[in-house]
């Protein structure tokens, strides 16, 4: 058995283990990176990247169910290759998304009806 260091009762091995554990528990992850949208000409997509970003921001705002910054809602919009449809993906660290999905479906039906009236 190793002798305790500095009359503390803690061996060198245990000190090294504690340092490694402390580093693991308090390691700061890499800072987030800003991904800048770059507009390009894509003949199959109807939405510009700027418009997709605007839609995502609005849907993320609408899907927020609380002001608690520990409960995060993430939204992704993917336009179909044909440009005829989009897929909306929602992720949350709070659990059940059924209420959010139901709200988006209702909103989608309303927008679809409004679009048909405009044609």
C-alpha atoms as a PDB file:
ATOM      1  CA  UNK A   1       0.000   0.000   0.000  1.00  0.00           C
ATOM      2  CA  UNK A   2       1.257   3.481  -0.898  1.00  0.00           C
ATOM      3  CA  UNK A   3       2.032   5.920   1.846  1.00  0.00           C
ATOM      4  CA  UNK A   4      -0.332   8.900   2.130  1.00  0.00           C
ATOM      5  CA  UNK A   5       0.906  12.181   0.674  1.00  0.00           C
ATOM      6  CA  UNK A   6       1.440  15.242   2.867  1.00  0.00           C
ATOM      7  CA  UNK A   7      -0.116  13.478   5.823  1.00  0.00           C
ATOM      8  CA  UNK A   8      -3.504  13.851   4.131  1.00  0.00           C
ATOM      9  CA  UNK A   9      -4.510  10.196   4.159  1.00  0.00           C
ATOM     10  CA  UNK A  10      -4.736  10.231   0.323  1.00  0.00           C
ATOM     11  CA  UNK A  11      -2.327   8.096  -1.685  1.00  0.00           C
ATOM     12  CA  UNK A  12      -0.649   9.322  -4.876  1.00  0.00           C
ATOM     13  CA  UNK A  13      -2.705   6.851  -6.919  1.00  0.00           C
ATOM     14  CA  UNK A  14      -5.984   8.131  -5.440  1.00  0.00           C
ATOM     15  CA  UNK A  15      -4.927  11.741  -6.038  1.00  0.00           C
ATOM     16  CA  UNK A  16      -4.232  10.991  -9.723  1.00  0.00           C
ATOM     17  CA  UNK A  17      -7.604   9.230 -10.024  1.00  0.00           C
ATOM     18  CA  UNK A  18      -9.369  12.228  -8.455  1.00  0.00           C
ATOM     19  CA  UNK A  19      -7.597  14.652 -10.806  1.00  0.00           C
ATOM     20  CA  UNK A  20      -8.610  12.560 -13.833  1.00  0.00           C
ATOM     21  CA  UNK A  21     -12.214  12.369 -12.604  1.00  0.00           C
ATOM     22  CA  UNK A  22     -12.350  16.098 -11.946  1.00  0.00           C
ATOM     23  CA  UNK A  23     -11.023  16.811 -15.443  1.00  0.00           C
ATOM     24  CA  UNK A  24     -13.657  14.490 -16.950  1.00  0.00           C
ATOM     25  CA  UNK A  25     -16.497  16.066 -14.977  1.00  0.00           C
ATOM     26  CA  UNK A  26     -15.540  19.667 -15.622  1.00  0.00           C
ATOM     27  CA  UNK A  27     -14.171  19.442 -19.141  1.00  0.00           C
ATOM     28  CA  UNK A  28     -15.584  22.322 -21.196  1.00  0.00           C
ATOM     29  CA  UNK A  29     -16.804  21.200 -24.618  1.00  0.00           C
ATOM     30  CA  UNK A  30     -15.764  22.984 -27.761  1.00  0.00           C
ATOM     31  CA  UNK A  31     -17.473  26.336 -28.281  1.00  0.00           C
ATOM     32  CA  UNK A  32     -20.389  26.229 -30.740  1.00  0.00           C
ATOM     33  CA  UNK A  33     -19.598  27.173 -34.308  1.00  0.00           C
ATOM     34  CA  UNK A  34     -21.685  29.498 -36.409  1.00  0.00           C
ATOM     35  CA  UNK A  35     -22.756  27.911 -39.682  1.00  0.00           C
ATOM     36  CA  UNK A  36     -23.370  30.659 -42.193  1.00  0.00           C
ATOM     37  CA  UNK A  37     -25.992  30.049 -44.826  1.00  0.00           C
ATOM     38  CA  UNK A  38     -24.689  30.233 -48.343  1.00  0.00           C
ATOM     39  CA  UNK A  39     -27.238  30.780 -51.069  1.00  0.00           C
ATOM     40  CA  UNK A  40     -26.720  28.824 -54.201  1.00  0.00           C
ATOM     41  CA  UNK A  41     -28.713  28.105 -57.283  1.00  0.00           C
ATOM     42  CA  UNK A  42     -30.522  24.822 -56.927  1.00  0.00           C
ATOM     43  CA  UNK A  43     -33.217  24.307 -59.526  1.00  0.00           C
ATOM     44  CA  UNK A  44     -34.984  21.520 -57.610  1.00  0.00           C
ATOM     45  CA  UNK A  45     -35.546  23.499 -54.416  1.00  0.00           C
ATOM     46  CA  UNK A  46     -38.244  26.119 -54.142  1.00  0.00           C
ATOM     47  CA  UNK A  47     -37.134  27.495 -50.783  1.00  0.00           C
ATOM     48  CA  UNK A  48     -33.974  29.537 -50.438  1.00  0.00           C
ATOM     49  CA  UNK A  49     -31.685  28.706 -47.528  1.00  0.00           C
ATOM     50  CA  UNK A  50     -32.607  32.029 -45.963  1.00  0.00           C
ATOM     51  CA  UNK A  51     -36.317  31.169 -46.190  1.00  0.00           C
ATOM     52  CA  UNK A  52     -35.704  27.673 -44.720  1.00  0.00           C
ATOM     53  CA  UNK A  53     -33.801  29.297 -41.857  1.00  0.00           C
ATOM     54  CA  UNK A  54     -36.654  31.742 -41.270  1.00  0.00           C
ATOM     55  CA  UNK A  55     -39.213  28.905 -41.220  1.00  0.00           C
ATOM     56  CA  UNK A  56     -37.088  26.892 -38.780  1.00  0.00           C
ATOM     57  CA  UNK A  57     -36.726  29.872 -36.460  1.00  0.00           C
ATOM     58  CA  UNK A  58     -40.473  30.509 -36.492  1.00  0.00           C
ATOM     59  CA  UNK A  59     -41.347  26.842 -35.917  1.00  0.00           C
ATOM     60  CA  UNK A  60     -38.836  26.587 -33.070  1.00  0.00           C
ATOM     61  CA  UNK A  61     -40.442  29.645 -31.473  1.00  0.00           C
ATOM     62  CA  UNK A  62     -43.941  28.211 -31.923  1.00  0.00           C
ATOM     63  CA  UNK A  63     -42.917  24.824 -30.517  1.00  0.00           C
ATOM     64  CA  UNK A  64     -41.426  26.228 -27.322  1.00  0.00           C
ATOM     65  CA  UNK A  65     -43.692  25.175 -24.471  1.00  0.00           C
ATOM     66  CA  UNK A  66     -41.832  26.952 -21.674  1.00  0.00           C
ATOM     67  CA  UNK A  67     -39.427  29.807 -20.979  1.00  0.00           C
ATOM     68  CA  UNK A  68     -37.135  27.377 -19.122  1.00  0.00           C
ATOM     69  CA  UNK A  69     -33.771  27.469 -20.929  1.00  0.00           C
ATOM     70  CA  UNK A  70     -33.077  23.897 -19.759  1.00  0.00           C
ATOM     71  CA  UNK A  71     -35.968  22.616 -21.909  1.00  0.00           C
ATOM     72  CA  UNK A  72     -34.784  22.921 -25.485  1.00  0.00           C
ATOM     73  CA  UNK A  73     -36.749  22.469 -28.690  1.00  0.00           C
ATOM     74  CA  UNK A  74     -34.889  21.933 -31.973  1.00  0.00           C
ATOM     75  CA  UNK A  75     -36.498  22.076 -35.407  1.00  0.00           C
ATOM     76  CA  UNK A  76     -35.188  21.041 -38.812  1.00  0.00           C
ATOM     77  CA  UNK A  77     -36.855  21.585 -42.193  1.00  0.00           C
ATOM     78  CA  UNK A  78     -35.855  19.348 -45.106  1.00  0.00           C
ATOM     79  CA  UNK A  79     -37.162  20.123 -48.556  1.00  0.00           C
ATOM     80  CA  UNK A  80     -37.871  17.093 -50.743  1.00  0.00           C
ATOM     81  CA  UNK A  81     -35.586  16.722 -53.765  1.00  0.00           C
ATOM     82  CA  UNK A  82     -38.547  17.384 -56.045  1.00  0.00           C
ATOM     83  CA  UNK A  83     -39.332  20.638 -54.240  1.00  0.00           C
ATOM     84  CA  UNK A  84     -42.926  19.456 -53.793  1.00  0.00           C
ATOM     85  CA  UNK A  85     -42.821  18.610 -50.071  1.00  0.00           C
ATOM     86  CA  UNK A  86     -40.967  19.334 -46.852  1.00  0.00           C
ATOM     87  CA  UNK A  87     -40.257  17.240 -43.788  1.00  0.00           C
ATOM     88  CA  UNK A  88     -40.264  18.955 -40.407  1.00  0.00           C
ATOM     89  CA  UNK A  89     -38.244  17.223 -37.703  1.00  0.00           C
ATOM     90  CA  UNK A  90     -38.571  18.212 -34.062  1.00  0.00           C
ATOM     91  CA  UNK A  91     -36.346  17.152 -31.180  1.00  0.00           C
ATOM     92  CA  UNK A  92     -36.632  17.960 -27.517  1.00  0.00           C
ATOM     93  CA  UNK A  93     -34.806  17.192 -24.311  1.00  0.00           C
ATOM     94  CA  UNK A  94     -38.097  17.274 -22.393  1.00  0.00           C
ATOM     95  CA  UNK A  95     -39.725  14.029 -23.506  1.00  0.00           C
ATOM     96  CA  UNK A  96     -43.065  13.584 -25.259  1.00  0.00           C
ATOM     97  CA  UNK A  97     -43.516  15.481 -28.517  1.00  0.00           C
ATOM     98  CA  UNK A  98     -47.110  14.374 -29.205  1.00  0.00           C
ATOM     99  CA  UNK A  99     -48.618  17.777 -28.357  1.00  0.00           C
ATOM    100  CA  UNK A 100     -46.077  19.600 -30.540  1.00  0.00           C
ATOM    101  CA  UNK A 101     -46.607  17.196 -33.459  1.00  0.00           C
ATOM    102  CA  UNK A 102     -50.396  17.607 -33.186  1.00  0.00           C
ATOM    103  CA  UNK A 103     -50.007  21.404 -33.209  1.00  0.00           C
ATOM    104  CA  UNK A 104     -47.749  21.297 -36.276  1.00  0.00           C
ATOM    105  CA  UNK A 105     -50.210  19.011 -38.098  1.00  0.00           C
ATOM    106  CA  UNK A 106     -53.047  21.432 -37.358  1.00  0.00           C
ATOM    107  CA  UNK A 107     -50.930  24.384 -38.494  1.00  0.00           C
ATOM    108  CA  UNK A 108     -49.949  22.487 -41.654  1.00  0.00           C
ATOM    109  CA  UNK A 109     -53.587  21.769 -42.546  1.00  0.00           C
ATOM    110  CA  UNK A 110     -54.516  25.433 -42.038  1.00  0.00           C
ATOM    111  CA  UNK A 111     -51.616  26.621 -44.216  1.00  0.00           C
ATOM    112  CA  UNK A 112     -52.466  24.042 -46.890  1.00  0.00           C
ATOM    113  CA  UNK A 113     -56.099  25.239 -46.982  1.00  0.00           C
ATOM    114  CA  UNK A 114     -54.955  28.863 -47.224  1.00  0.00           C
ATOM    115  CA  UNK A 115     -52.573  28.011 -50.063  1.00  0.00           C
ATOM    116  CA  UNK A 116     -55.331  26.221 -51.997  1.00  0.00           C
ATOM    117  CA  UNK A 117     -57.630  29.248 -51.681  1.00  0.00           C
ATOM    118  CA  UNK A 118     -54.910  31.428 -53.194  1.00  0.00           C
ATOM    119  CA  UNK A 119     -54.666  29.323 -56.351  1.00  0.00           C
END
